[in-house]
C-alpha atoms as a PDB file:
ATOM      1  CA  MET A   1      81.843 167.815 190.106  1.00  0.00           C
ATOM      2  CA  LEU A   2      80.898 170.072 187.179  1.00  0.00           C
ATOM      3  CA  GLY A   3      83.838 171.740 185.442  1.00  0.00           C
ATOM      4  CA  SER A   4      84.353 174.849 183.314  1.00  0.00           C
ATOM      5  CA  TYR A   5      86.059 173.187 180.350  1.00  0.00           C
ATOM      6  CA  VAL A   6      84.746 170.929 177.610  1.00  0.00           C
ATOM      7  CA  GLY A   7      84.749 167.323 178.802  1.00  0.00           C
ATOM      8  CA  GLU A   8      85.897 168.221 182.331  1.00  0.00           C
ATOM      9  CA  SER A   9      82.574 167.371 183.982  1.00  0.00           C
ATOM     10  CA  GLU A  10      82.424 163.956 182.346  1.00  0.00           C
ATOM     11  CA  LYS A  11      86.037 163.301 183.365  1.00  0.00           C
ATOM     12  CA  ASN A  12      85.272 164.240 186.966  1.00  0.00           C
ATOM     13  CA  ILE A  13      82.471 161.678 187.071  1.00  0.00           C
ATOM     14  CA  ARG A  14      84.649 158.976 185.553  1.00  0.00           C
ATOM     15  CA  ASP A  15      87.424 159.803 188.032  1.00  0.00           C
ATOM     16  CA  ALA A  16      85.024 159.582 190.985  1.00  0.00           C
ATOM     17  CA  PHE A  17      83.884 156.108 189.923  1.00  0.00           C
ATOM     18  CA  ALA A  18      87.475 155.046 189.245  1.00  0.00           C
ATOM     19  CA  MET A  19      88.469 156.036 192.785  1.00  0.00           C
ATOM     20  CA  ALA A  20      85.501 154.120 194.186  1.00  0.00           C
ATOM     21  CA  ARG A  21      86.415 151.003 192.182  1.00  0.00           C
ATOM     22  CA  ASN A  22      90.014 151.198 193.391  1.00  0.00           C
ATOM     23  CA  ALA A  23      88.752 151.437 196.966  1.00  0.00           C
ATOM     24  CA  ALA A  24      86.482 148.438 196.401  1.00  0.00           C
ATOM     25  CA  ASP A  25      89.446 146.464 195.072  1.00  0.00           C
ATOM     26  CA  SER A  26      91.529 147.184 198.176  1.00  0.00           C
ATOM     27  CA  SER A  27      90.564 143.776 199.579  1.00  0.00           C
ATOM     28  CA  PRO A  28      88.872 140.680 198.111  1.00  0.00           C
ATOM     29  CA  LYS A  29      85.117 141.009 197.563  1.00  0.00           C
ATOM     30  CA  SER A  30      85.099 144.435 199.156  1.00  0.00           C
ATOM     31  CA  CYS A  31      82.817 147.354 198.325  1.00  0.00           C
ATOM     32  CA  ALA A  32      82.816 151.145 198.246  1.00  0.00           C
ATOM     33  CA  VAL A  33      80.049 153.715 198.608  1.00  0.00           C
ATOM     34  CA  LEU A  34      79.855 156.701 196.272  1.00  0.00           C
ATOM     35  CA  PHE A  35      77.502 159.453 197.473  1.00  0.00           C
ATOM     36  CA  PHE A  36      76.158 162.266 195.286  1.00  0.00           C
ATOM     37  CA  ASP A  37      74.441 165.089 197.159  1.00  0.00           C
ATOM     38  CA  GLU A  38      71.952 167.185 195.148  1.00  0.00           C
ATOM     39  CA  ILE A  39      72.220 164.652 192.350  1.00  0.00           C
ATOM     40  CA  ASP A  40      69.601 166.546 190.335  1.00  0.00           C
ATOM     41  CA  SER A  41      72.329 169.114 189.572  1.00  0.00           C
ATOM     42  CA  ILE A  42      74.321 166.582 187.550  1.00  0.00           C
ATOM     43  CA  ALA A  43      71.559 164.307 186.284  1.00  0.00           C
ATOM     44  CA  PRO A  44      68.603 166.450 185.142  1.00  0.00           C
ATOM     45  CA  LYS A  45      66.199 165.274 182.477  1.00  0.00           C
ATOM     46  CA  ARG A  46      67.987 165.213 179.156  1.00  0.00           C
ATOM     47  CA  GLY A  47      66.875 167.638 176.476  1.00  0.00           C
ATOM     48  CA  GLY A  48      65.423 170.133 178.920  1.00  0.00           C
ATOM     49  CA  THR A  49      68.393 172.025 180.320  1.00  0.00           C
ATOM     50  CA  GLY A  50      68.793 174.451 177.413  1.00  0.00           C
ATOM     51  CA  ASP A  51      72.573 174.642 177.744  1.00  0.00           C
ATOM     52  CA  GLY A  52      73.031 174.874 173.995  1.00  0.00           C
ATOM     53  CA  GLY A  53      76.055 172.614 173.747  1.00  0.00           C
ATOM     54  CA  GLY A  54      74.366 169.582 175.238  1.00  0.00           C
ATOM     55  CA  VAL A  55      76.840 169.508 178.135  1.00  0.00           C
ATOM     56  CA  MET A  56      74.376 168.201 180.703  1.00  0.00           C
ATOM     57  CA  ASP A  57      73.132 165.519 178.322  1.00  0.00           C
ATOM     58  CA  ARG A  58      76.694 164.238 178.005  1.00  0.00           C
ATOM     59  CA  VAL A  59      77.167 164.386 181.775  1.00  0.00           C
ATOM     60  CA  VAL A  60      74.014 162.350 182.326  1.00  0.00           C
ATOM     61  CA  ALA A  61      75.079 159.829 179.678  1.00  0.00           C
ATOM     62  CA  THR A  62      78.473 159.462 181.374  1.00  0.00           C
ATOM     63  CA  LEU A  63      76.856 158.939 184.764  1.00  0.00           C
ATOM     64  CA  LEU A  64      74.487 156.298 183.381  1.00  0.00           C
ATOM     65  CA  GLY A  65      77.364 154.468 181.747  1.00  0.00           C
ATOM     66  CA  GLU A  66      79.322 154.412 184.997  1.00  0.00           C
ATOM     67  CA  LEU A  67      76.277 153.187 186.945  1.00  0.00           C
ATOM     68  CA  ASP A  68      76.070 150.232 184.553  1.00  0.00           C
ATOM     69  CA  ASN A  69      79.676 149.320 185.357  1.00  0.00           C
ATOM     70  CA  ASN A  70      79.694 149.186 189.148  1.00  0.00           C
ATOM     71  CA  ILE A  71      81.282 145.748 189.545  1.00  0.00           C
ATOM     72  CA  THR A  72      85.090 145.801 189.629  1.00  0.00           C
ATOM     73  CA  ASN A  73      87.493 143.394 187.929  1.00  0.00           C
ATOM     74  CA  ASP A  74      88.271 141.740 191.286  1.00  0.00           C
ATOM     75  CA  GLY A  75      84.642 141.184 192.226  1.00  0.00           C
ATOM     76  CA  GLY A  76      84.248 144.328 194.304  1.00  0.00           C
ATOM     77  CA  TYR A  77      81.103 146.397 194.168  1.00  0.00           C
ATOM     78  CA  VAL A  78      80.429 150.143 194.099  1.00  0.00           C
ATOM     79  CA  PHE A  79      77.201 151.196 195.818  1.00  0.00           C
ATOM     80  CA  VAL A  80      75.911 154.545 194.585  1.00  0.00           C
ATOM     81  CA  ILE A  81      73.650 156.745 196.697  1.00  0.00           C
ATOM     82  CA  GLY A  82      72.123 159.989 195.471  1.00  0.00           C
ATOM     83  CA  ALA A  83      70.266 162.573 197.533  1.00  0.00           C
ATOM     84  CA  THR A  84      67.789 165.113 196.185  1.00  0.00           C
ATOM     85  CA  ASN A  85      64.696 166.999 197.220  1.00  0.00           C
ATOM     86  CA  ARG A  86      63.552 167.170 193.580  1.00  0.00           C
ATOM     87  CA  PRO A  87      63.277 163.604 192.256  1.00  0.00           C
ATOM     88  CA  ASP A  88      60.866 164.901 189.624  1.00  0.00           C
ATOM     89  CA  LEU A  89      63.776 166.714 187.937  1.00  0.00           C
ATOM     90  CA  LEU A  90      65.955 163.620 187.543  1.00  0.00           C
ATOM     91  CA  ASP A  91      66.410 161.844 184.233  1.00  0.00           C
ATOM     92  CA  PRO A  92      64.023 158.824 184.255  1.00  0.00           C
ATOM     93  CA  SER A  93      66.810 156.508 183.067  1.00  0.00           C
ATOM     94  CA  LEU A  94      68.393 156.742 186.528  1.00  0.00           C
ATOM     95  CA  TYR A  95      65.544 154.672 187.941  1.00  0.00           C
ATOM     96  CA  ARG A  96      66.102 151.654 185.713  1.00  0.00           C
ATOM     97  CA  GLN A  97      66.947 148.306 187.309  1.00  0.00           C
ATOM     98  CA  GLY A  98      70.566 148.123 188.418  1.00  0.00           C
ATOM     99  CA  ARG A  99      70.991 151.885 188.687  1.00  0.00           C
ATOM    100  CA  LEU A 100      69.288 154.003 191.343  1.00  0.00           C
ATOM    101  CA  ASP A 101      66.408 151.567 191.657  1.00  0.00           C
ATOM    102  CA  ARG A 102      65.789 151.814 195.411  1.00  0.00           C
ATOM    103  CA  LEU A 103      63.984 154.963 196.508  1.00  0.00           C
ATOM    104  CA  VAL A 104      64.022 155.953 200.178  1.00  0.00           C
ATOM    105  CA  PHE A 105      61.933 158.905 201.334  1.00  0.00           C
ATOM    106  CA  LEU A 106      63.270 160.813 204.318  1.00  0.00           C
ATOM    107  CA  GLY A 107      60.528 163.096 205.563  1.00  0.00           C
ATOM    108  CA  LEU A 108      60.282 165.348 208.581  1.00  0.00           C
ATOM    109  CA  ALA A 109      60.611 163.765 211.995  1.00  0.00           C
ATOM    110  CA  THR A 110      57.083 163.909 213.397  1.00  0.00           C
ATOM    111  CA  GLU A 111      57.076 161.229 216.085  1.00  0.00           C
ATOM    112  CA  PRO A 112      58.322 162.392 219.518  1.00  0.00           C
ATOM    113  CA  SER A 113      60.754 159.480 219.698  1.00  0.00           C
ATOM    114  CA  GLU A 114      62.326 160.504 216.368  1.00  0.00           C
ATOM    115  CA  ARG A 115      62.639 164.143 217.440  1.00  0.00           C
ATOM    116  CA  ILE A 116      64.204 163.142 220.749  1.00  0.00           C
ATOM    117  CA  LYS A 117      66.811 161.017 218.963  1.00  0.00           C
ATOM    118  CA  ILE A 118      67.753 163.889 216.633  1.00  0.00           C
ATOM    119  CA  MET A 119      68.094 166.411 219.440  1.00  0.00           C
ATOM    120  CA  THR A 120      69.994 163.972 221.629  1.00  0.00           C
ATOM    121  CA  ALA A 121      72.511 163.356 218.853  1.00  0.00           C
ATOM    122  CA  LEU A 122      72.962 167.090 218.248  1.00  0.00           C
ATOM    123  CA  MET A 123      73.415 167.828 221.959  1.00  0.00           C
ATOM    124  CA  ARG A 124      75.480 164.803 222.950  1.00  0.00           C
ATOM    125  CA  LYS A 125      78.564 166.918 223.764  1.00  0.00           C
ATOM    126  CA  PHE A 126      76.712 169.678 225.614  1.00  0.00           C
ATOM    127  CA  SER A 127      76.686 170.259 229.375  1.00  0.00           C
ATOM    128  CA  PHE A 128      73.321 171.051 230.934  1.00  0.00           C
ATOM    129  CA  GLU A 129      71.983 172.627 234.101  1.00  0.00           C
ATOM    130  CA  ASN A 130      71.512 170.363 237.109  1.00  0.00           C
ATOM    131  CA  GLY A 131      73.710 167.701 235.498  1.00  0.00           C
ATOM    132  CA  MET A 132      70.979 166.662 233.071  1.00  0.00           C
ATOM    133  CA  HIS A 133      71.775 164.393 230.150  1.00  0.00           C
ATOM    134  CA  ALA A 134      71.075 165.319 226.538  1.00  0.00           C
ATOM    135  CA  GLU A 135      68.261 162.774 226.198  1.00  0.00           C
ATOM    136  CA  SER A 136      66.490 164.004 229.344  1.00  0.00           C
ATOM    137  CA  MET A 137      66.660 167.587 228.119  1.00  0.00           C
ATOM    138  CA  ALA A 138      65.349 166.547 224.698  1.00  0.00           C
ATOM    139  CA  GLU A 139      62.439 164.721 226.357  1.00  0.00           C
ATOM    140  CA  GLU A 140      61.514 167.864 228.280  1.00  0.00           C
ATOM    141  CA  LEU A 141      61.684 170.029 225.187  1.00  0.00           C
ATOM    142  CA  VAL A 142      60.169 167.826 222.493  1.00  0.00           C
ATOM    143  CA  ASN A 143      56.540 168.875 222.979  1.00  0.00           C
ATOM    144  CA  GLU A 144      57.320 172.579 223.367  1.00  0.00           C
ATOM    145  CA  ILE A 145      58.934 173.255 219.991  1.00  0.00           C
ATOM    146  CA  PRO A 146      57.315 173.587 216.532  1.00  0.00           C
ATOM    147  CA  PRO A 147      56.210 170.295 214.918  1.00  0.00           C
ATOM    148  CA  ASN A 148      57.520 170.680 211.370  1.00  0.00           C
ATOM    149  CA  LEU A 149      61.252 170.974 211.976  1.00  0.00           C
ATOM    150  CA  SER A 150      63.862 169.718 209.543  1.00  0.00           C
ATOM    151  CA  GLY A 151      67.283 168.468 210.578  1.00  0.00           C
ATOM    152  CA  ALA A 152      68.713 171.917 209.797  1.00  0.00           C
ATOM    153  CA  ASP A 153      66.081 173.513 212.031  1.00  0.00           C
ATOM    154  CA  PHE A 154      66.988 171.233 214.929  1.00  0.00           C
ATOM    155  CA  SER A 155      70.636 172.112 214.383  1.00  0.00           C
ATOM    156  CA  ALA A 156      69.824 175.826 214.413  1.00  0.00           C
ATOM    157  CA  ILE A 157      68.025 175.445 217.744  1.00  0.00           C
ATOM    158  CA  THR A 158      70.792 173.526 219.468  1.00  0.00           C
ATOM    159  CA  SER A 159      73.604 175.686 218.109  1.00  0.00           C
ATOM    160  CA  GLY A 160      71.635 178.818 218.993  1.00  0.00           C
ATOM    161  CA  ALA A 161      71.211 177.592 222.570  1.00  0.00           C
ATOM    162  CA  PHE A 162      74.915 176.836 222.791  1.00  0.00           C
ATOM    163  CA  MET A 163      75.840 180.321 221.595  1.00  0.00           C
ATOM    164  CA  GLN A 164      73.521 181.867 224.179  1.00  0.00           C
ATOM    165  CA  SER A 165      75.115 179.883 226.987  1.00  0.00           C
ATOM    166  CA  LEU A 166      78.582 180.701 225.680  1.00  0.00           C
ATOM    167  CA  GLY A 167      77.784 184.407 225.579  1.00  0.00           C
ATOM    168  CA  ARG A 168      76.450 184.254 229.137  1.00  0.00           C
ATOM    169  CA  LEU A 169      79.618 182.512 230.321  1.00  0.00           C
ATOM    170  CA  CYS A 170      81.841 185.095 228.620  1.00  0.00           C
ATOM    171  CA  ARG A 171      79.944 187.963 230.195  1.00  0.00           C
ATOM    172  CA  GLN A 172      80.150 186.342 233.627  1.00  0.00           C
ATOM    173  CA  ILE A 173      83.906 185.745 233.355  1.00  0.00           C
ATOM    174  CA  GLU A 174      84.476 189.314 232.200  1.00  0.00           C
ATOM    175  CA  TYR A 175      82.390 190.645 235.114  1.00  0.00           C
ATOM    176  CA  ASP A 176      84.199 188.484 237.677  1.00  0.00           C
ATOM    177  CA  SER A 177      87.637 189.463 236.369  1.00  0.00           C
ATOM    178  CA  LYS A 178      86.800 193.151 236.728  1.00  0.00           C
ATOM    179  CA  ASN A 179      85.260 192.565 240.151  1.00  0.00           C
ATOM    180  CA  GLU A 180      88.485 190.947 241.361  1.00  0.00           C
ATOM    181  CA  GLY A 181      90.671 193.554 239.673  1.00  0.00           C
ATOM    182  CA  LYS A 182      92.532 191.032 237.541  1.00  0.00           C
ATOM    183  CA  PRO A 183      93.363 191.152 233.822  1.00  0.00           C
ATOM    184  CA  LEU A 184      90.986 188.918 231.895  1.00  0.00           C
ATOM    185  CA  ASP A 185      93.722 186.554 230.660  1.00  0.00           C
ATOM    186  CA  ASP A 186      95.145 186.121 234.167  1.00  0.00           C
ATOM    187  CA  TYR A 187      91.712 185.512 235.627  1.00  0.00           C
ATOM    188  CA  MET A 188      90.847 182.893 232.997  1.00  0.00           C
ATOM    189  CA  ARG A 189      94.119 181.042 233.670  1.00  0.00           C
ATOM    190  CA  SER A 190      93.150 180.830 237.338  1.00  0.00           C
ATOM    191  CA  LEU A 191      89.897 179.020 236.544  1.00  0.00           C
ATOM    192  CA  HIS A 192      89.445 175.263 236.492  1.00  0.00           C
ATOM    193  CA  PRO A 193      88.769 173.905 232.968  1.00  0.00           C
ATOM    194  CA  GLU A 194      85.256 172.867 234.022  1.00  0.00           C
ATOM    195  CA  GLN A 195      84.490 176.510 234.845  1.00  0.00           C
ATOM    196  CA  LEU A 196      85.052 177.382 231.182  1.00  0.00           C
ATOM    197  CA  ILE A 197      82.389 174.985 229.887  1.00  0.00           C
ATOM    198  CA  PRO A 198      79.097 176.641 228.853  1.00  0.00           C
ATOM    199  CA  ILE A 199      76.099 175.282 230.756  1.00  0.00           C
ATOM    200  CA  ILE A 200      72.946 175.131 228.659  1.00  0.00           C
ATOM    201  CA  THR A 201      69.527 175.599 230.228  1.00  0.00           C
ATOM    202  CA  LYS A 202      66.079 174.708 229.009  1.00  0.00           C
ATOM    203  CA  LYS A 203      65.434 178.443 228.748  1.00  0.00           C
ATOM    204  CA  ASP A 204      68.341 178.725 226.283  1.00  0.00           C
ATOM    205  CA  LEU A 205      66.803 176.055 224.086  1.00  0.00           C
ATOM    206  CA  MET A 206      63.322 177.543 224.276  1.00  0.00           C
ATOM    207  CA  LYS A 207      64.621 180.993 223.333  1.00  0.00           C
ATOM    208  CA  ALA A 208      66.605 179.533 220.422  1.00  0.00           C
ATOM    209  CA  ALA A 209      63.528 177.608 219.250  1.00  0.00           C
ATOM    210  CA  ALA A 210      61.461 180.800 219.309  1.00  0.00           C
ATOM    211  CA  ASN A 211      63.967 182.391 216.924  1.00  0.00           C
ATOM    212  CA  VAL A 212      63.778 179.556 214.386  1.00  0.00           C
ATOM    213  CA  THR A 213      61.140 179.563 211.667  1.00  0.00           C
ATOM    214  CA  PRO A 214      60.487 176.042 210.318  1.00  0.00           C
ATOM    215  CA  SER A 215      62.197 175.827 206.926  1.00  0.00           C
ATOM    216  CA  VAL A 216      59.552 173.463 205.519  1.00  0.00           C
ATOM    217  CA  SER A 217      56.105 175.009 205.214  1.00  0.00           C
ATOM    218  CA  PRO A 218      52.946 172.839 205.354  1.00  0.00           C
ATOM    219  CA  ASP A 219      52.508 173.331 201.585  1.00  0.00           C
ATOM    220  CA  THR A 220      56.086 172.232 200.922  1.00  0.00           C
ATOM    221  CA  ALA A 221      55.675 169.218 203.196  1.00  0.00           C
ATOM    222  CA  GLU A 222      52.537 168.251 201.272  1.00  0.00           C
ATOM    223  CA  TYR A 223      54.421 168.608 197.986  1.00  0.00           C
ATOM    224  CA  TYR A 224      57.223 166.340 199.213  1.00  0.00           C
ATOM    225  CA  ASN A 225      54.679 163.788 200.340  1.00  0.00           C
ATOM    226  CA  SER A 226      53.077 163.845 196.893  1.00  0.00           C
ATOM    227  CA  LEU A 227      56.515 163.100 195.414  1.00  0.00           C
ATOM    228  CA  ARG A 228      56.877 160.180 197.816  1.00  0.00           C
ATOM    229  CA  VAL A 229      53.560 158.732 196.689  1.00  0.00           C
ATOM    230  CA  ARG A 230      54.378 159.335 193.025  1.00  0.00           C
ATOM    231  CA  PHE A 231      57.828 157.757 193.033  1.00  0.00           C
ATOM    232  CA  SER A 232      57.018 154.858 195.335  1.00  0.00           C
ATOM    233  CA  SER A 233      54.106 153.655 193.236  1.00  0.00           C
END
């Protein structure tokens, strides 16, 4: 979004909104969603960035102007969503009515039901021992993994377990091909496709979980909660 040349960053923002408005005008009374991840990088508090040329101030001003013009000529609407883990760094003008005036706090998943849903979604395409389903495996695991896990931590656990099962499968196929005296490629072609699918065990998931350090410390979690209280009041 931010460019290297004078005026390029502001142009990029205007272009993004123009594309969203065109999409919203694709059918009568339609809408489009424009999502900015890490929005604090393009909308910090004005006057405090120390960039010398006032580039970020102009970028913020451009963004605010576009937010005030989110209704298209044909009655379409552009919904703007911004994500940040530092709302305290954002320019206060973003929070004015009609701009980003709805704040939604997404904290860590602490309830077992929430954690099960996250793990089930991440493991929905996996194959498990004894024909278990992803949800059943998540239910067995939920109380045996650390409590303060972020979405990235859950992803690290599930992907780590998959890589362990994949490595085990590769080693087994290599061993069997040598045992039968066949070249590896020929042996793999003789296998049924289902025999090439990694089978994940609870042990795989537990080992992967043991290798993951929660990315959000208790102090950081408390800080985020203080931001939630501050910006929701």
